[in-house]
Amino acid sequence: MSSEITVVAILKAQPGKEAAVAQAMADCVAPTLTETGNSLYVPNQDLDDPQSFVFVERWASRAALESHLQTPHFKQLAATLETLLAEPLKVHILQPVPGA
């Protein structure tokens, strides 16, 4: 079985902070895509709820994800989002269902 994982991170911006959240997410994309073990890192904004954002990520392993969490660009993102989010970040770390 592959150790590849998909991460879905759900963010809810404070009212009026949507543009700042979008920019902070966008700023983290280019450096993350150069990281070993990353093959997908896409920030999305909900069309029906503009305060809601979703990162969809794909990592070669959980270790690659853990390494990402220690990078300066991720730490900057986390620090910036601390003042912009209406509720705590929700993160789902997923793996394919065997046999599917």
N, C-alpha and C. Protein backbone atom coordinates (compact mmCIF):
# COMPACT_ATOMS: atom_id res chain seq x y z
N MET A 1 0.84 -1.17 0.00
CA MET A 1 0.00 0.00 0.00
C MET A 1 0.89 1.24 0.00
N SER A 2 0.49 2.23 -0.77
CA SER A 2 1.23 3.49 -0.87
C SER A 2 1.12 4.27 0.43
N SER A 3 2.17 5.02 0.72
CA SER A 3 2.12 5.87 1.91
C SER A 3 1.63 7.28 1.56
N GLU A 4 1.26 7.49 0.28
CA GLU A 4 0.78 8.81 -0.15
C GLU A 4 -0.49 9.19 0.62
N ILE A 5 -0.55 10.47 1.00
CA ILE A 5 -1.72 10.97 1.72
C ILE A 5 -2.26 12.21 1.02
N THR A 6 -3.53 12.45 1.24
CA THR A 6 -4.18 13.68 0.80
C THR A 6 -4.58 14.44 2.05
N VAL A 7 -4.34 15.73 2.03
CA VAL A 7 -4.71 16.59 3.15
C VAL A 7 -5.76 17.57 2.66
N VAL A 8 -6.82 17.71 3.45
CA VAL A 8 -7.84 18.72 3.20
C VAL A 8 -7.90 19.59 4.44
N ALA A 9 -7.56 20.85 4.26
CA ALA A 9 -7.58 21.81 5.37
C ALA A 9 -8.68 22.83 5.11
N ILE A 10 -9.56 23.01 6.08
CA ILE A 10 -10.72 23.88 5.94
C ILE A 10 -10.54 25.10 6.84
N LEU A 11 -10.68 26.28 6.23
CA LEU A 11 -10.47 27.54 6.94
C LEU A 11 -11.73 28.39 6.81
N LYS A 12 -12.05 29.13 7.86
CA LYS A 12 -13.19 30.05 7.85
C LYS A 12 -12.65 31.44 8.22
N ALA A 13 -12.68 32.35 7.26
CA ALA A 13 -12.17 33.70 7.48
C ALA A 13 -13.15 34.52 8.31
N GLN A 14 -12.61 35.45 9.07
CA GLN A 14 -13.45 36.43 9.74
C GLN A 14 -14.10 37.29 8.66
N PRO A 15 -15.30 37.81 8.91
CA PRO A 15 -15.94 38.69 7.93
C PRO A 15 -15.01 39.86 7.58
N GLY A 16 -14.87 40.10 6.28
CA GLY A 16 -14.02 41.18 5.82
C GLY A 16 -12.55 40.82 5.67
N LYS A 17 -12.17 39.61 6.09
CA LYS A 17 -10.77 39.18 6.03
C LYS A 17 -10.51 38.18 4.89
N GLU A 18 -11.49 38.00 4.02
CA GLU A 18 -11.37 37.00 2.97
C GLU A 18 -10.17 37.25 2.05
N ALA A 19 -9.96 38.48 1.63
CA ALA A 19 -8.85 38.79 0.72
C ALA A 19 -7.51 38.51 1.38
N ALA A 20 -7.39 38.83 2.65
CA ALA A 20 -6.14 38.60 3.37
C ALA A 20 -5.87 37.11 3.53
N VAL A 21 -6.90 36.32 3.79
CA VAL A 21 -6.74 34.87 3.89
C VAL A 21 -6.32 34.30 2.53
N ALA A 22 -6.99 34.73 1.48
CA ALA A 22 -6.66 34.26 0.13
C ALA A 22 -5.21 34.58 -0.21
N GLN A 23 -4.75 35.78 0.12
CA GLN A 23 -3.38 36.17 -0.18
C GLN A 23 -2.37 35.36 0.62
N ALA A 24 -2.65 35.15 1.89
CA ALA A 24 -1.75 34.35 2.73
C ALA A 24 -1.64 32.92 2.19
N MET A 25 -2.76 32.35 1.77
CA MET A 25 -2.74 31.01 1.20
C MET A 25 -1.94 30.99 -0.10
N ALA A 26 -2.18 31.97 -0.96
CA ALA A 26 -1.49 32.03 -2.25
C ALA A 26 0.02 32.18 -2.07
N ASP A 27 0.43 32.95 -1.07
CA ASP A 27 1.86 33.18 -0.83
C ASP A 27 2.60 31.90 -0.45
N CYS A 28 1.89 30.92 0.05
CA CYS A 28 2.52 29.68 0.50
C CYS A 28 2.63 28.63 -0.62
N VAL A 29 1.96 28.85 -1.73
CA VAL A 29 1.91 27.83 -2.78
C VAL A 29 3.26 27.58 -3.43
N ALA A 30 3.89 28.61 -3.99
CA ALA A 30 5.14 28.40 -4.75
C ALA A 30 6.22 27.71 -3.93
N PRO A 31 6.52 28.16 -2.71
CA PRO A 31 7.56 27.44 -1.97
C PRO A 31 7.17 26.01 -1.59
N THR A 32 5.89 25.78 -1.36
CA THR A 32 5.46 24.43 -1.00
C THR A 32 5.61 23.47 -2.17
N LEU A 33 5.32 23.95 -3.38
CA LEU A 33 5.42 23.08 -4.55
C LEU A 33 6.86 22.65 -4.84
N THR A 34 7.84 23.33 -4.25
CA THR A 34 9.24 22.93 -4.43
C THR A 34 9.69 21.91 -3.38
N GLU A 35 8.86 21.66 -2.39
CA GLU A 35 9.24 20.73 -1.32
C GLU A 35 9.25 19.29 -1.80
N THR A 36 10.24 18.55 -1.33
CA THR A 36 10.30 17.12 -1.62
C THR A 36 9.07 16.45 -1.01
N GLY A 37 8.40 15.63 -1.81
CA GLY A 37 7.25 14.89 -1.29
C GLY A 37 5.92 15.55 -1.56
N ASN A 38 5.91 16.77 -2.10
CA ASN A 38 4.64 17.43 -2.40
C ASN A 38 4.34 17.32 -3.88
N SER A 39 3.11 16.92 -4.21
CA SER A 39 2.71 16.85 -5.62
C SER A 39 1.45 17.67 -5.91
N LEU A 40 0.83 18.23 -4.89
CA LEU A 40 -0.37 19.04 -5.09
C LEU A 40 -0.56 19.95 -3.89
N TYR A 41 -0.84 21.23 -4.16
CA TYR A 41 -1.07 22.19 -3.07
C TYR A 41 -1.93 23.29 -3.65
N VAL A 42 -3.24 23.13 -3.52
CA VAL A 42 -4.17 24.04 -4.19
C VAL A 42 -5.11 24.69 -3.18
N PRO A 43 -5.02 26.02 -3.04
CA PRO A 43 -5.98 26.73 -2.20
C PRO A 43 -7.26 27.02 -3.01
N ASN A 44 -8.39 26.86 -2.37
CA ASN A 44 -9.69 27.08 -3.01
C ASN A 44 -10.56 27.96 -2.13
N GLN A 45 -11.45 28.73 -2.75
CA GLN A 45 -12.45 29.51 -2.02
C GLN A 45 -13.82 29.02 -2.43
N ASP A 46 -14.69 28.83 -1.45
CA ASP A 46 -16.04 28.34 -1.69
C ASP A 46 -16.86 29.39 -2.43
N LEU A 47 -17.43 29.02 -3.56
CA LEU A 47 -18.23 29.96 -4.36
C LEU A 47 -19.52 30.38 -3.65
N ASP A 48 -20.07 29.50 -2.82
CA ASP A 48 -21.33 29.80 -2.15
C ASP A 48 -21.14 30.38 -0.75
N ASP A 49 -19.94 30.31 -0.22
CA ASP A 49 -19.62 30.85 1.10
C ASP A 49 -18.22 31.45 1.04
N PRO A 50 -18.10 32.70 0.62
CA PRO A 50 -16.78 33.30 0.39
C PRO A 50 -15.88 33.37 1.62
N GLN A 51 -16.41 33.16 2.80
CA GLN A 51 -15.58 33.12 4.00
C GLN A 51 -14.90 31.77 4.18
N SER A 52 -15.31 30.77 3.41
CA SER A 52 -14.78 29.42 3.54
C SER A 52 -13.73 29.14 2.48
N PHE A 53 -12.60 28.59 2.93
CA PHE A 53 -11.48 28.23 2.07
C PHE A 53 -11.09 26.79 2.34
N VAL A 54 -10.55 26.13 1.31
CA VAL A 54 -10.13 24.74 1.46
C VAL A 54 -8.80 24.55 0.73
N PHE A 55 -7.80 24.06 1.44
CA PHE A 55 -6.55 23.62 0.84
C PHE A 55 -6.71 22.15 0.50
N VAL A 56 -6.32 21.75 -0.70
CA VAL A 56 -6.24 20.34 -1.07
C VAL A 56 -4.77 20.08 -1.38
N GLU A 57 -4.21 19.11 -0.68
CA GLU A 57 -2.77 18.84 -0.77
C GLU A 57 -2.54 17.35 -0.98
N ARG A 58 -1.44 17.03 -1.65
CA ARG A 58 -1.05 15.63 -1.76
C ARG A 58 0.42 15.53 -1.40
N TRP A 59 0.71 14.60 -0.49
CA TRP A 59 2.06 14.39 0.02
C TRP A 59 2.46 12.93 -0.17
N ALA A 60 3.75 12.71 -0.40
CA ALA A 60 4.26 11.34 -0.59
C ALA A 60 4.11 10.50 0.66
N SER A 61 4.10 11.16 1.82
CA SER A 61 3.99 10.43 3.09
C SER A 61 3.62 11.41 4.20
N ARG A 62 3.27 10.87 5.31
CA ARG A 62 2.99 11.70 6.48
C ARG A 62 4.27 12.41 6.94
N ALA A 63 5.40 11.76 6.77
CA ALA A 63 6.68 12.38 7.13
C ALA A 63 6.93 13.62 6.27
N ALA A 64 6.58 13.56 4.99
CA ALA A 64 6.74 14.72 4.11
C ALA A 64 5.85 15.87 4.58
N LEU A 65 4.63 15.55 5.00
CA LEU A 65 3.74 16.56 5.56
C LEU A 65 4.33 17.16 6.83
N GLU A 66 4.82 16.33 7.71
CA GLU A 66 5.41 16.82 8.96
C GLU A 66 6.59 17.75 8.68
N SER A 67 7.37 17.42 7.68
CA SER A 67 8.49 18.27 7.28
C SER A 67 7.97 19.63 6.80
N HIS A 68 6.90 19.62 6.03
CA HIS A 68 6.27 20.86 5.54
C HIS A 68 5.86 21.77 6.70
N LEU A 69 5.34 21.17 7.75
CA LEU A 69 4.86 21.96 8.89
C LEU A 69 5.99 22.69 9.61
N GLN A 70 7.23 22.31 9.34
CA GLN A 70 8.38 22.95 9.98
C GLN A 70 9.05 24.01 9.09
N THR A 71 8.55 24.21 7.88
CA THR A 71 9.17 25.16 6.96
C THR A 71 8.84 26.60 7.35
N PRO A 72 9.73 27.54 7.03
CA PRO A 72 9.46 28.95 7.34
C PRO A 72 8.19 29.47 6.66
N HIS A 73 7.93 29.05 5.41
CA HIS A 73 6.75 29.57 4.72
C HIS A 73 5.46 29.05 5.34
N PHE A 74 5.46 27.80 5.82
CA PHE A 74 4.24 27.32 6.50
C PHE A 74 4.06 28.02 7.85
N LYS A 75 5.15 28.19 8.57
CA LYS A 75 5.05 28.87 9.87
C LYS A 75 4.56 30.31 9.69
N GLN A 76 4.99 30.97 8.61
CA GLN A 76 4.50 32.32 8.33
C GLN A 76 3.01 32.30 8.03
N LEU A 77 2.57 31.33 7.23
CA LEU A 77 1.14 31.18 6.92
C LEU A 77 0.34 30.99 8.20
N ALA A 78 0.79 30.08 9.05
CA ALA A 78 0.07 29.81 10.30
C ALA A 78 -0.02 31.04 11.18
N ALA A 79 1.07 31.80 11.28
CA ALA A 79 1.08 33.01 12.10
C ALA A 79 0.13 34.06 11.54
N THR A 80 0.12 34.21 10.23
CA THR A 80 -0.77 35.18 9.59
C THR A 80 -2.23 34.79 9.79
N LEU A 81 -2.54 33.52 9.57
CA LEU A 81 -3.93 33.07 9.68
C LEU A 81 -4.47 33.18 11.10
N GLU A 82 -3.60 33.11 12.09
CA GLU A 82 -4.02 33.20 13.49
C GLU A 82 -4.91 34.42 13.75
N THR A 83 -4.62 35.52 13.08
CA THR A 83 -5.36 36.77 13.31
C THR A 83 -6.52 36.96 12.33
N LEU A 84 -6.68 36.04 11.37
CA LEU A 84 -7.66 36.23 10.30
C LEU A 84 -8.82 35.24 10.32
N LEU A 85 -8.68 34.16 11.07
CA LEU A 85 -9.69 33.11 11.02
C LEU A 85 -10.77 33.29 12.08
N ALA A 86 -11.98 32.92 11.72
CA ALA A 86 -13.13 33.03 12.62
C ALA A 86 -13.24 31.82 13.55
N GLU A 87 -12.60 30.72 13.17
CA GLU A 87 -12.66 29.50 13.97
C GLU A 87 -11.39 28.70 13.71
N PRO A 88 -11.09 27.73 14.55
CA PRO A 88 -9.87 26.94 14.36
C PRO A 88 -9.86 26.20 13.02
N LEU A 89 -8.69 26.09 12.46
CA LEU A 89 -8.46 25.33 11.24
C LEU A 89 -8.87 23.88 11.45
N LYS A 90 -9.50 23.28 10.45
CA LYS A 90 -9.86 21.86 10.51
C LYS A 90 -9.02 21.14 9.46
N VAL A 91 -8.32 20.11 9.87
CA VAL A 91 -7.44 19.38 8.96
C VAL A 91 -7.84 17.91 8.93
N HIS A 92 -7.99 17.40 7.73
CA HIS A 92 -8.27 15.97 7.51
C HIS A 92 -7.08 15.38 6.76
N ILE A 93 -6.47 14.34 7.32
CA ILE A 93 -5.37 13.64 6.68
C ILE A 93 -5.94 12.31 6.21
N LEU A 94 -5.93 12.12 4.89
CA LEU A 94 -6.66 11.00 4.26
C LEU A 94 -5.74 10.06 3.53
N GLN A 95 -6.16 8.81 3.46
CA GLN A 95 -5.49 7.83 2.60
C GLN A 95 -6.58 7.07 1.84
N PRO A 96 -6.26 6.55 0.66
CA PRO A 96 -7.26 5.83 -0.10
C PRO A 96 -7.80 4.61 0.65
N VAL A 97 -9.03 4.31 0.43
CA VAL A 97 -9.65 3.11 0.99
C VAL A 97 -9.08 1.90 0.25
N PRO A 98 -8.55 0.92 0.97
CA PRO A 98 -7.99 -0.27 0.30
C PRO A 98 -9.03 -0.95 -0.60
N GLY A 99 -8.60 -1.32 -1.78
CA GLY A 99 -9.47 -2.03 -2.70
C GLY A 99 -10.40 -1.15 -3.51
N ALA A 100 -10.38 0.15 -3.25
CA ALA A 100 -11.29 1.05 -4.01
C ALA A 100 -10.64 1.49 -5.30
